[in-house]
Amino acid sequence: MGRFTLSALAGAALLAAPLGALAADYPTPPVYVPPPVGFQYDWYLKGYIGLAAQHFKGLEHPAFETPLFFEWLDEGQFDGVPLFGVGVGFRHSENLRFDLTAEYRAKSAFSALDRYDTDSNPPDFDGDPGPDWGTNHYTGKKQEILVLANAYYDFNEIHGITPYVGAGIGASYNTIYDFVDENVPAAGGGWAPTGSKLSLAWALHAGASMQVNERLTLDFGYSFVSLGDAQTGPFQNLDPTVGCIANVPPDCVPMEFKGLYSHDFKVGARWAFGHNQPSYVTAKY
């Protein structure tokens, strides 16, 4: 009985040794890698239209400092206008993308009204203001071409909607057309030729996008845009005894539009193209 048991154990040991060596020769099974679950295109084209609600911080000109009494009855405003933009962009990652946009902003009508008194007698136009007072009604049109380099952060998708925020910096080419000053009480006034100015511009963006398919994405956005300053050509008085003809200051100086800014509401689309990169899901074991 004892000899049989020892013989059986010895035989099992002799059989197990080569089997263990043989098992050690097998390679480790490869880790399962799931197939790609989608494609991410690096580049995209974009186009959009929108409405610009435009404002500015005020007019400036040396002539405003000449009267002893001067005030604004209407500091001025611009009409809302359509805008049209195109751009090309690059998606850096799932959340970060960049683009360069060029935007045409249509002509916007402008008007403002002031009043003045050259001797402040009586002050503040109380009673009969006398023959030395007047008003100026200013009209004109403004137009911009805006170029911005933008960066956006796309948040995680929520029920098919992807919210985003962004910022941009660039330049705005601002042009003032048809500037006229009508001074009805004094039967005077003036005008200025077309003038343009290139200004630093910047923007803050917010919005949401919806992906229609792997290439087409709809975009709904808002932007606050700082457009810098604008100016007319040299202002010219209708009175031939002053102004550019007589080379008498403060005429022959451009009328300055300070601190242009806009609230823009836009709708557009992005079309992905170029090299497509597979997006993988990381497996957990």
C-alpha atoms as a PDB file:
ATOM      1  CA  MET A   1       0.000   0.000   0.000  1.00  0.00           C
ATOM      2  CA  GLY A   2       2.747   2.437   0.904  1.00  0.00           C
ATOM      3  CA  ARG A   3       4.914   1.511  -2.027  1.00  0.00           C
ATOM      4  CA  PHE A   4       2.000   1.977  -4.415  1.00  0.00           C
ATOM      5  CA  THR A   5       1.210   5.432  -3.056  1.00  0.00           C
ATOM      6  CA  LEU A   6       4.846   6.579  -3.316  1.00  0.00           C
ATOM      7  CA  SER A   7       5.068   5.232  -6.873  1.00  0.00           C
ATOM      8  CA  ALA A   8       1.863   7.051  -7.896  1.00  0.00           C
ATOM      9  CA  LEU A   9       3.089  10.359  -6.445  1.00  0.00           C
ATOM     10  CA  ALA A  10       6.457  10.012  -8.137  1.00  0.00           C
ATOM     11  CA  GLY A  11       4.809   9.294 -11.467  1.00  0.00           C
ATOM     12  CA  ALA A  12       2.515  12.297 -11.173  1.00  0.00           C
ATOM     13  CA  ALA A  13       5.479  14.517 -10.390  1.00  0.00           C
ATOM     14  CA  LEU A  14       7.387  13.229 -13.404  1.00  0.00           C
ATOM     15  CA  LEU A  15       4.380  13.911 -15.667  1.00  0.00           C
ATOM     16  CA  ALA A  16       3.717  17.417 -14.216  1.00  0.00           C
ATOM     17  CA  ALA A  17       7.258  18.669 -14.796  1.00  0.00           C
ATOM     18  CA  PRO A  18       7.224  18.605 -18.633  1.00  0.00           C
ATOM     19  CA  LEU A  19       3.632  19.848 -18.731  1.00  0.00           C
ATOM     20  CA  GLY A  20       4.595  22.917 -16.622  1.00  0.00           C
ATOM     21  CA  ALA A  21       7.574  23.635 -18.840  1.00  0.00           C
ATOM     22  CA  LEU A  22       5.360  23.321 -21.902  1.00  0.00           C
ATOM     23  CA  ALA A  23       2.774  25.750 -20.443  1.00  0.00           C
ATOM     24  CA  ALA A  24       5.501  28.301 -19.746  1.00  0.00           C
ATOM     25  CA  ASP A  25       6.306  28.331 -23.456  1.00  0.00           C
ATOM     26  CA  TYR A  26       2.817  29.650 -24.408  1.00  0.00           C
ATOM     27  CA  PRO A  27       2.628  33.492 -25.042  1.00  0.00           C
ATOM     28  CA  THR A  28       0.422  35.747 -22.896  1.00  0.00           C
ATOM     29  CA  PRO A  29      -3.009  36.277 -24.517  1.00  0.00           C
ATOM     30  CA  PRO A  30      -3.315  39.781 -26.116  1.00  0.00           C
ATOM     31  CA  VAL A  31      -5.391  42.460 -24.380  1.00  0.00           C
ATOM     32  CA  TYR A  32      -8.660  43.104 -26.149  1.00  0.00           C
ATOM     33  CA  VAL A  33      -8.789  46.499 -27.879  1.00  0.00           C
ATOM     34  CA  PRO A  34     -12.275  47.684 -28.864  1.00  0.00           C
ATOM     35  CA  PRO A  35     -12.868  48.985 -32.388  1.00  0.00           C
ATOM     36  CA  PRO A  36     -13.146  52.708 -33.075  1.00  0.00           C
ATOM     37  CA  VAL A  37     -16.510  54.156 -32.132  1.00  0.00           C
ATOM     38  CA  GLY A  38     -16.492  57.273 -34.293  1.00  0.00           C
ATOM     39  CA  PHE A  39     -14.491  59.725 -36.365  1.00  0.00           C
ATOM     40  CA  GLN A  40     -13.295  63.231 -35.554  1.00  0.00           C
ATOM     41  CA  TYR A  41     -12.448  65.532 -38.456  1.00  0.00           C
ATOM     42  CA  ASP A  42      -9.618  67.975 -37.810  1.00  0.00           C
ATOM     43  CA  TRP A  43     -10.698  70.929 -39.993  1.00  0.00           C
ATOM     44  CA  TYR A  44     -13.994  72.693 -40.586  1.00  0.00           C
ATOM     45  CA  LEU A  45     -15.520  75.529 -42.590  1.00  0.00           C
ATOM     46  CA  LYS A  46     -18.140  77.792 -41.042  1.00  0.00           C
ATOM     47  CA  GLY A  47     -20.638  80.348 -42.239  1.00  0.00           C
ATOM     48  CA  TYR A  48     -23.173  82.434 -40.358  1.00  0.00           C
ATOM     49  CA  ILE A  49     -25.580  85.348 -40.488  1.00  0.00           C
ATOM     50  CA  GLY A  50     -26.840  87.492 -37.649  1.00  0.00           C
ATOM     51  CA  LEU A  51     -28.066  90.784 -36.249  1.00  0.00           C
ATOM     52  CA  ALA A  52     -25.770  93.402 -34.686  1.00  0.00           C
ATOM     53  CA  ALA A  53     -27.194  95.784 -32.061  1.00  0.00           C
ATOM     54  CA  GLN A  54     -24.527  98.521 -32.140  1.00  0.00           C
ATOM     55  CA  HIS A  55     -23.576 101.223 -29.643  1.00  0.00           C
ATOM     56  CA  PHE A  56     -20.742 103.634 -28.890  1.00  0.00           C
ATOM     57  CA  LYS A  57     -19.461 105.790 -26.018  1.00  0.00           C
ATOM     58  CA  GLY A  58     -19.780 109.194 -27.661  1.00  0.00           C
ATOM     59  CA  LEU A  59     -18.653 111.726 -30.259  1.00  0.00           C
ATOM     60  CA  GLU A  60     -15.503 113.794 -29.768  1.00  0.00           C
ATOM     61  CA  HIS A  61     -14.376 116.936 -31.628  1.00  0.00           C
ATOM     62  CA  PRO A  62     -12.492 120.102 -30.577  1.00  0.00           C
ATOM     63  CA  ALA A  63     -15.507 122.228 -31.613  1.00  0.00           C
ATOM     64  CA  PHE A  64     -17.486 120.804 -28.676  1.00  0.00           C
ATOM     65  CA  GLU A  65     -15.180 122.695 -26.299  1.00  0.00           C
ATOM     66  CA  THR A  66     -15.658 126.128 -27.959  1.00  0.00           C
ATOM     67  CA  PRO A  67     -19.123 127.192 -26.675  1.00  0.00           C
ATOM     68  CA  LEU A  68     -19.400 128.386 -23.079  1.00  0.00           C
ATOM     69  CA  PHE A  69     -22.424 126.153 -22.669  1.00  0.00           C
ATOM     70  CA  PHE A  70     -22.813 122.763 -24.406  1.00  0.00           C
ATOM     71  CA  GLU A  71     -24.926 119.676 -23.760  1.00  0.00           C
ATOM     72  CA  TRP A  72     -26.151 116.549 -25.505  1.00  0.00           C
ATOM     73  CA  LEU A  73     -29.891 116.175 -25.994  1.00  0.00           C
ATOM     74  CA  ASP A  74     -29.330 112.809 -27.702  1.00  0.00           C
ATOM     75  CA  GLU A  75     -25.845 111.294 -27.397  1.00  0.00           C
ATOM     76  CA  GLY A  76     -26.416 109.225 -30.493  1.00  0.00           C
ATOM     77  CA  GLN A  77     -27.230 105.683 -31.495  1.00  0.00           C
ATOM     78  CA  PHE A  78     -26.876 103.285 -34.423  1.00  0.00           C
ATOM     79  CA  ASP A  79     -29.574 101.174 -36.036  1.00  0.00           C
ATOM     80  CA  GLY A  80     -29.366  97.397 -35.822  1.00  0.00           C
ATOM     81  CA  VAL A  81     -27.970  95.811 -38.991  1.00  0.00           C
ATOM     82  CA  PRO A  82     -27.370  92.361 -40.480  1.00  0.00           C
ATOM     83  CA  LEU A  83     -23.938  90.753 -40.457  1.00  0.00           C
ATOM     84  CA  PHE A  84     -22.420  87.971 -42.564  1.00  0.00           C
ATOM     85  CA  GLY A  85     -19.381  85.894 -41.681  1.00  0.00           C
ATOM     86  CA  VAL A  86     -17.228  83.007 -42.919  1.00  0.00           C
ATOM     87  CA  GLY A  87     -14.333  81.168 -41.334  1.00  0.00           C
ATOM     88  CA  VAL A  88     -12.027  78.191 -41.254  1.00  0.00           C
ATOM     89  CA  GLY A  89     -11.275  76.257 -38.077  1.00  0.00           C
ATOM     90  CA  PHE A  90      -9.292  73.424 -36.537  1.00  0.00           C
ATOM     91  CA  ARG A  91     -10.434  71.048 -33.797  1.00  0.00           C
ATOM     92  CA  HIS A  92      -7.517  70.450 -31.431  1.00  0.00           C
ATOM     93  CA  SER A  93      -9.296  68.005 -29.125  1.00  0.00           C
ATOM     94  CA  GLU A  94     -12.758  66.903 -28.077  1.00  0.00           C
ATOM     95  CA  ASN A  95     -13.281  70.151 -26.137  1.00  0.00           C
ATOM     96  CA  LEU A  96     -10.923  72.697 -27.708  1.00  0.00           C
ATOM     97  CA  ARG A  97     -11.158  74.248 -31.171  1.00  0.00           C
ATOM     98  CA  PHE A  98      -9.865  77.348 -32.965  1.00  0.00           C
ATOM     99  CA  ASP A  99     -10.966  79.340 -36.005  1.00  0.00           C
ATOM    100  CA  LEU A 100     -10.262  82.460 -38.038  1.00  0.00           C
ATOM    101  CA  THR A 101     -13.307  84.465 -39.139  1.00  0.00           C
ATOM    102  CA  ALA A 102     -13.934  87.397 -41.496  1.00  0.00           C
ATOM    103  CA  GLU A 103     -17.162  89.321 -41.073  1.00  0.00           C
ATOM    104  CA  TYR A 104     -18.981  92.012 -43.068  1.00  0.00           C
ATOM    105  CA  ARG A 105     -21.257  94.261 -41.040  1.00  0.00           C
ATOM    106  CA  ALA A 106     -23.729  96.295 -43.114  1.00  0.00           C
ATOM    107  CA  LYS A 107     -24.134 100.079 -43.073  1.00  0.00           C
ATOM    108  CA  SER A 108     -25.841 101.327 -39.916  1.00  0.00           C
ATOM    109  CA  ALA A 109     -27.613 104.708 -39.789  1.00  0.00           C
ATOM    110  CA  PHE A 110     -26.569 107.119 -37.011  1.00  0.00           C
ATOM    111  CA  SER A 111     -28.098 110.250 -35.466  1.00  0.00           C
ATOM    112  CA  ALA A 112     -27.337 112.535 -32.500  1.00  0.00           C
ATOM    113  CA  LEU A 113     -28.423 115.980 -31.248  1.00  0.00           C
ATOM    114  CA  ASP A 114     -26.709 118.654 -29.148  1.00  0.00           C
ATOM    115  CA  ARG A 115     -27.323 122.289 -28.210  1.00  0.00           C
ATOM    116  CA  TYR A 116     -25.006 125.134 -27.266  1.00  0.00           C
ATOM    117  CA  ASP A 117     -24.863 128.774 -26.151  1.00  0.00           C
ATOM    118  CA  THR A 118     -21.828 130.909 -26.984  1.00  0.00           C
ATOM    119  CA  ASP A 119     -22.097 133.248 -23.974  1.00  0.00           C
ATOM    120  CA  SER A 120     -24.279 131.284 -21.501  1.00  0.00           C
ATOM    121  CA  ASN A 121     -26.569 134.294 -21.078  1.00  0.00           C
ATOM    122  CA  PRO A 122     -29.093 133.331 -19.949  1.00  0.00           C
ATOM    123  CA  PRO A 123     -27.565 130.055 -18.626  1.00  0.00           C
ATOM    124  CA  ASP A 124     -29.029 126.656 -19.433  1.00  0.00           C
ATOM    125  CA  PHE A 125     -31.367 128.121 -22.067  1.00  0.00           C
ATOM    126  CA  ASP A 126     -33.875 129.324 -19.465  1.00  0.00           C
ATOM    127  CA  GLY A 127     -36.226 131.936 -20.886  1.00  0.00           C
ATOM    128  CA  ASP A 128     -35.204 133.549 -24.168  1.00  0.00           C
ATOM    129  CA  PRO A 129     -31.873 132.020 -25.204  1.00  0.00           C
ATOM    130  CA  GLY A 130     -31.021 134.998 -27.435  1.00  0.00           C
ATOM    131  CA  PRO A 131     -29.394 134.980 -30.865  1.00  0.00           C
ATOM    132  CA  ASP A 132     -26.219 133.169 -29.814  1.00  0.00           C
ATOM    133  CA  TRP A 133     -27.532 129.642 -29.327  1.00  0.00           C
ATOM    134  CA  GLY A 134     -28.060 126.749 -31.676  1.00  0.00           C
ATOM    135  CA  THR A 135     -28.431 123.030 -32.076  1.00  0.00           C
ATOM    136  CA  ASN A 136     -26.574 120.481 -34.171  1.00  0.00           C
ATOM    137  CA  HIS A 137     -28.295 117.436 -35.626  1.00  0.00           C
ATOM    138  CA  TYR A 138     -25.686 114.883 -36.700  1.00  0.00           C
ATOM    139  CA  THR A 139     -26.391 112.067 -39.130  1.00  0.00           C
ATOM    140  CA  GLY A 140     -24.253 109.498 -40.909  1.00  0.00           C
ATOM    141  CA  LYS A 141     -23.654 105.818 -41.572  1.00  0.00           C
ATOM    142  CA  LYS A 142     -21.145 103.294 -40.243  1.00  0.00           C
ATOM    143  CA  GLN A 143     -19.809 100.035 -41.650  1.00  0.00           C
ATOM    144  CA  GLU A 144     -17.198  97.496 -40.463  1.00  0.00           C
ATOM    145  CA  ILE A 145     -15.110  94.609 -41.724  1.00  0.00           C
ATOM    146  CA  LEU A 146     -14.077  92.474 -38.760  1.00  0.00           C
ATOM    147  CA  VAL A 147     -11.371  89.794 -38.649  1.00  0.00           C
ATOM    148  CA  LEU A 148     -10.935  87.685 -35.486  1.00  0.00           C
ATOM    149  CA  ALA A 149      -8.817  84.753 -34.335  1.00  0.00           C
ATOM    150  CA  ASN A 150     -11.021  82.760 -31.924  1.00  0.00           C
ATOM    151  CA  ALA A 151     -10.681  79.957 -29.392  1.00  0.00           C
ATOM    152  CA  TYR A 152     -13.643  77.938 -28.045  1.00  0.00           C
ATOM    153  CA  TYR A 153     -14.226  75.431 -25.279  1.00  0.00           C
ATOM    154  CA  ASP A 154     -16.998  72.909 -25.972  1.00  0.00           C
ATOM    155  CA  PHE A 155     -18.621  71.444 -22.866  1.00  0.00           C
ATOM    156  CA  ASN A 156     -19.972  67.914 -22.685  1.00  0.00           C
ATOM    157  CA  GLU A 157     -23.043  67.198 -24.765  1.00  0.00           C
ATOM    158  CA  ILE A 158     -26.410  67.454 -22.982  1.00  0.00           C
ATOM    159  CA  HIS A 159     -29.336  65.752 -24.756  1.00  0.00           C
ATOM    160  CA  GLY A 160     -27.774  66.400 -28.165  1.00  0.00           C
ATOM    161  CA  ILE A 161     -26.837  70.020 -27.403  1.00  0.00           C
ATOM    162  CA  THR A 162     -23.219  71.114 -26.854  1.00  0.00           C
ATOM    163  CA  PRO A 163     -22.835  74.472 -25.043  1.00  0.00           C
ATOM    164  CA  TYR A 164     -19.630  76.438 -25.552  1.00  0.00           C
ATOM    165  CA  VAL A 165     -17.797  79.625 -24.582  1.00  0.00           C
ATOM    166  CA  GLY A 166     -15.010  81.418 -26.394  1.00  0.00           C
ATOM    167  CA  ALA A 167     -12.957  84.555 -26.945  1.00  0.00           C
ATOM    168  CA  GLY A 168     -11.382  86.257 -29.936  1.00  0.00           C
ATOM    169  CA  ILE A 169      -8.943  89.030 -30.809  1.00  0.00           C
ATOM    170  CA  GLY A 170      -8.241  90.782 -34.089  1.00  0.00           C
ATOM    171  CA  ALA A 171      -8.919  94.008 -35.971  1.00  0.00           C
ATOM    172  CA  SER A 172     -11.902  95.983 -37.238  1.00  0.00           C
ATOM    173  CA  TYR A 173     -11.799  98.303 -40.248  1.00  0.00           C
ATOM    174  CA  ASN A 174     -14.423 100.944 -39.375  1.00  0.00           C
ATOM    175  CA  THR A 175     -15.761 103.393 -41.966  1.00  0.00           C
ATOM    176  CA  ILE A 176     -18.022 106.428 -41.502  1.00  0.00           C
ATOM    177  CA  TYR A 177     -20.027 107.604 -44.511  1.00  0.00           C
ATOM    178  CA  ASP A 178     -22.300 110.571 -45.297  1.00  0.00           C
ATOM    179  CA  PHE A 179     -21.617 112.531 -42.095  1.00  0.00           C
ATOM    180  CA  VAL A 180     -23.663 115.760 -41.952  1.00  0.00           C
ATOM    181  CA  ASP A 181     -24.134 118.449 -39.266  1.00  0.00           C
ATOM    182  CA  GLU A 182     -27.359 120.481 -39.607  1.00  0.00           C
ATOM    183  CA  ASN A 183     -27.595 123.665 -37.506  1.00  0.00           C
ATOM    184  CA  VAL A 184     -31.122 124.872 -38.252  1.00  0.00           C
ATOM    185  CA  PRO A 185     -31.344 127.811 -35.736  1.00  0.00           C
ATOM    186  CA  ALA A 186     -28.098 129.337 -37.033  1.00  0.00           C
ATOM    187  CA  ALA A 187     -28.744 128.362 -40.648  1.00  0.00           C
ATOM    188  CA  GLY A 188     -25.358 126.688 -40.637  1.00  0.00           C
ATOM    189  CA  GLY A 189     -23.747 123.314 -40.246  1.00  0.00           C
ATOM    190  CA  GLY A 190     -21.063 121.249 -41.848  1.00  0.00           C
ATOM    191  CA  TRP A 191     -20.112 117.917 -43.339  1.00  0.00           C
ATOM    192  CA  ALA A 192     -17.273 115.441 -43.514  1.00  0.00           C
ATOM    193  CA  PRO A 193     -16.045 113.131 -46.259  1.00  0.00           C
ATOM    194  CA  THR A 194     -15.806 109.380 -45.784  1.00  0.00           C
ATOM    195  CA  GLY A 195     -13.210 108.328 -43.266  1.00  0.00           C
ATOM    196  CA  SER A 196     -11.861 104.933 -42.138  1.00  0.00           C
ATOM    197  CA  LYS A 197      -9.819 103.680 -39.208  1.00  0.00           C
ATOM    198  CA  LEU A 198      -8.250 100.319 -38.364  1.00  0.00           C
ATOM    199  CA  SER A 199      -8.763  99.476 -34.673  1.00  0.00           C
ATOM    200  CA  LEU A 200      -7.955  96.646 -32.298  1.00  0.00           C
ATOM    201  CA  ALA A 201     -11.015  94.441 -31.760  1.00  0.00           C
ATOM    202  CA  TRP A 202     -11.894  91.668 -29.337  1.00  0.00           C
ATOM    203  CA  ALA A 203     -14.905  89.504 -28.597  1.00  0.00           C
ATOM    204  CA  LEU A 204     -16.480  87.178 -26.037  1.00  0.00           C
ATOM    205  CA  HIS A 205     -18.626  84.318 -27.326  1.00  0.00           C
ATOM    206  CA  ALA A 206     -21.256  81.972 -25.904  1.00  0.00           C
ATOM    207  CA  GLY A 207     -23.642  79.590 -27.577  1.00  0.00           C
ATOM    208  CA  ALA A 208     -24.752  76.051 -28.285  1.00  0.00           C
ATOM    209  CA  SER A 209     -24.330  73.665 -31.191  1.00  0.00           C
ATOM    210  CA  MET A 210     -26.203  70.612 -32.437  1.00  0.00           C
ATOM    211  CA  GLN A 211     -24.546  67.923 -34.557  1.00  0.00           C
ATOM    212  CA  VAL A 212     -26.734  66.840 -37.471  1.00  0.00           C
ATOM    213  CA  ASN A 213     -24.334  64.176 -38.760  1.00  0.00           C
ATOM    214  CA  GLU A 214     -20.621  63.397 -38.580  1.00  0.00           C
ATOM    215  CA  ARG A 215     -19.810  66.430 -40.770  1.00  0.00           C
ATOM    216  CA  LEU A 216     -22.590  69.016 -40.316  1.00  0.00           C
ATOM    217  CA  THR A 217     -23.102  70.993 -37.084  1.00  0.00           C
ATOM    218  CA  LEU A 218     -25.631  73.784 -36.513  1.00  0.00           C
ATOM    219  CA  ASP A 219     -24.531  76.697 -34.329  1.00  0.00           C
ATOM    220  CA  PHE A 220     -26.539  79.294 -32.364  1.00  0.00           C
ATOM    221  CA  GLY A 221     -24.433  81.996 -30.694  1.00  0.00           C
ATOM    222  CA  TYR A 222     -24.108  85.374 -29.012  1.00  0.00           C
ATOM    223  CA  SER A 223     -21.036  87.629 -29.093  1.00  0.00           C
ATOM    224  CA  PHE A 224     -20.092  90.823 -27.321  1.00  0.00           C
ATOM    225  CA  VAL A 225     -17.718  92.627 -29.696  1.00  0.00           C
ATOM    226  CA  SER A 226     -15.506  95.650 -28.992  1.00  0.00           C
ATOM    227  CA  LEU A 227     -14.804  97.340 -32.345  1.00  0.00           C
ATOM    228  CA  GLY A 228     -12.471 100.151 -31.252  1.00  0.00           C
ATOM    229  CA  ASP A 229     -12.896 103.691 -32.613  1.00  0.00           C
ATOM    230  CA  ALA A 230     -14.000 105.218 -35.919  1.00  0.00           C
ATOM    231  CA  GLN A 231     -13.641 108.621 -37.541  1.00  0.00           C
ATOM    232  CA  THR A 232     -14.872 110.716 -40.440  1.00  0.00           C
ATOM    233  CA  GLY A 233     -12.692 112.577 -42.872  1.00  0.00           C
ATOM    234  CA  PRO A 234     -11.755 116.196 -41.934  1.00  0.00           C
ATOM    235  CA  PHE A 235     -14.878 118.058 -40.766  1.00  0.00           C
ATOM    236  CA  GLN A 236     -15.711 121.105 -42.905  1.00  0.00           C
ATOM    237  CA  ASN A 237     -17.911 124.026 -41.890  1.00  0.00           C
ATOM    238  CA  LEU A 238     -20.412 125.428 -44.389  1.00  0.00           C
ATOM    239  CA  ASP A 239     -19.347 128.958 -43.415  1.00  0.00           C
ATOM    240  CA  PRO A 240     -16.579 129.908 -45.885  1.00  0.00           C
ATOM    241  CA  THR A 241     -14.909 132.189 -43.313  1.00  0.00           C
ATOM    242  CA  VAL A 242     -13.982 129.217 -41.110  1.00  0.00           C
ATOM    243  CA  GLY A 243     -13.079 125.602 -41.531  1.00  0.00           C
ATOM    244  CA  CYS A 244     -10.871 123.950 -44.127  1.00  0.00           C
ATOM    245  CA  ILE A 245     -11.225 126.742 -46.694  1.00  0.00           C
ATOM    246  CA  ALA A 246      -9.885 129.359 -44.283  1.00  0.00           C
ATOM    247  CA  ASN A 247      -7.726 126.799 -42.433  1.00  0.00           C
ATOM    248  CA  VAL A 248      -9.223 127.928 -39.124  1.00  0.00           C
ATOM    249  CA  PRO A 249      -9.230 125.416 -36.209  1.00  0.00           C
ATOM    250  CA  PRO A 250     -11.082 123.526 -34.801  1.00  0.00           C
ATOM    251  CA  ASP A 251     -12.455 122.584 -38.204  1.00  0.00           C
ATOM    252  CA  CYS A 252     -10.551 120.351 -40.643  1.00  0.00           C
ATOM    253  CA  VAL A 253     -10.328 117.795 -37.786  1.00  0.00           C
ATOM    254  CA  PRO A 254     -12.078 114.404 -38.075  1.00  0.00           C
ATOM    255  CA  MET A 255     -15.164 113.697 -35.976  1.00  0.00           C
ATOM    256  CA  GLU A 256     -14.284 110.814 -33.622  1.00  0.00           C
ATOM    257  CA  PHE A 257     -16.655 107.972 -32.718  1.00  0.00           C
ATOM    258  CA  LYS A 258     -15.256 106.535 -29.494  1.00  0.00           C
ATOM    259  CA  GLY A 259     -15.671 103.045 -28.071  1.00  0.00           C
ATOM    260  CA  LEU A 260     -17.781 101.198 -30.652  1.00  0.00           C
ATOM    261  CA  TYR A 261     -19.273  97.950 -29.351  1.00  0.00           C
ATOM    262  CA  SER A 262     -21.978  95.515 -30.407  1.00  0.00           C
ATOM    263  CA  HIS A 263     -24.253  92.754 -29.137  1.00  0.00           C
ATOM    264  CA  ASP A 264     -24.423  90.139 -31.904  1.00  0.00           C
ATOM    265  CA  PHE A 265     -26.897  87.280 -32.270  1.00  0.00           C
ATOM    266  CA  LYS A 266     -25.931  84.677 -34.885  1.00  0.00           C
ATOM    267  CA  VAL A 267     -27.017  81.412 -36.463  1.00  0.00           C
ATOM    268  CA  GLY A 268     -24.737  79.342 -38.668  1.00  0.00           C
ATOM    269  CA  ALA A 269     -23.291  75.980 -39.618  1.00  0.00           C
ATOM    270  CA  ARG A 270     -19.935  74.180 -39.510  1.00  0.00           C
ATOM    271  CA  TRP A 271     -18.878  71.612 -42.114  1.00  0.00           C
ATOM    272  CA  ALA A 272     -16.091  69.220 -41.103  1.00  0.00           C
ATOM    273  CA  PHE A 273     -13.527  68.105 -43.673  1.00  0.00           C
ATOM    274  CA  GLY A 274      -9.932  66.950 -44.079  1.00  0.00           C
ATOM    275  CA  HIS A 275      -8.170  64.024 -42.414  1.00  0.00           C
ATOM    276  CA  ASN A 276     -10.507  62.073 -40.134  1.00  0.00           C
ATOM    277  CA  GLN A 277      -9.095  60.576 -36.950  1.00  0.00           C
ATOM    278  CA  PRO A 278     -10.762  57.610 -35.171  1.00  0.00           C
ATOM    279  CA  SER A 279     -11.916  58.174 -31.635  1.00  0.00           C
ATOM    280  CA  TYR A 280     -11.453  55.195 -29.279  1.00  0.00           C
ATOM    281  CA  VAL A 281     -13.142  54.171 -26.044  1.00  0.00           C
ATOM    282  CA  THR A 282     -10.651  53.144 -23.355  1.00  0.00           C
ATOM    283  CA  ALA A 283     -11.346  49.600 -22.109  1.00  0.00           C
ATOM    284  CA  LYS A 284     -11.230  48.890 -18.384  1.00  0.00           C
ATOM    285  CA  TYR A 285     -10.213  45.418 -17.112  1.00  0.00           C
END
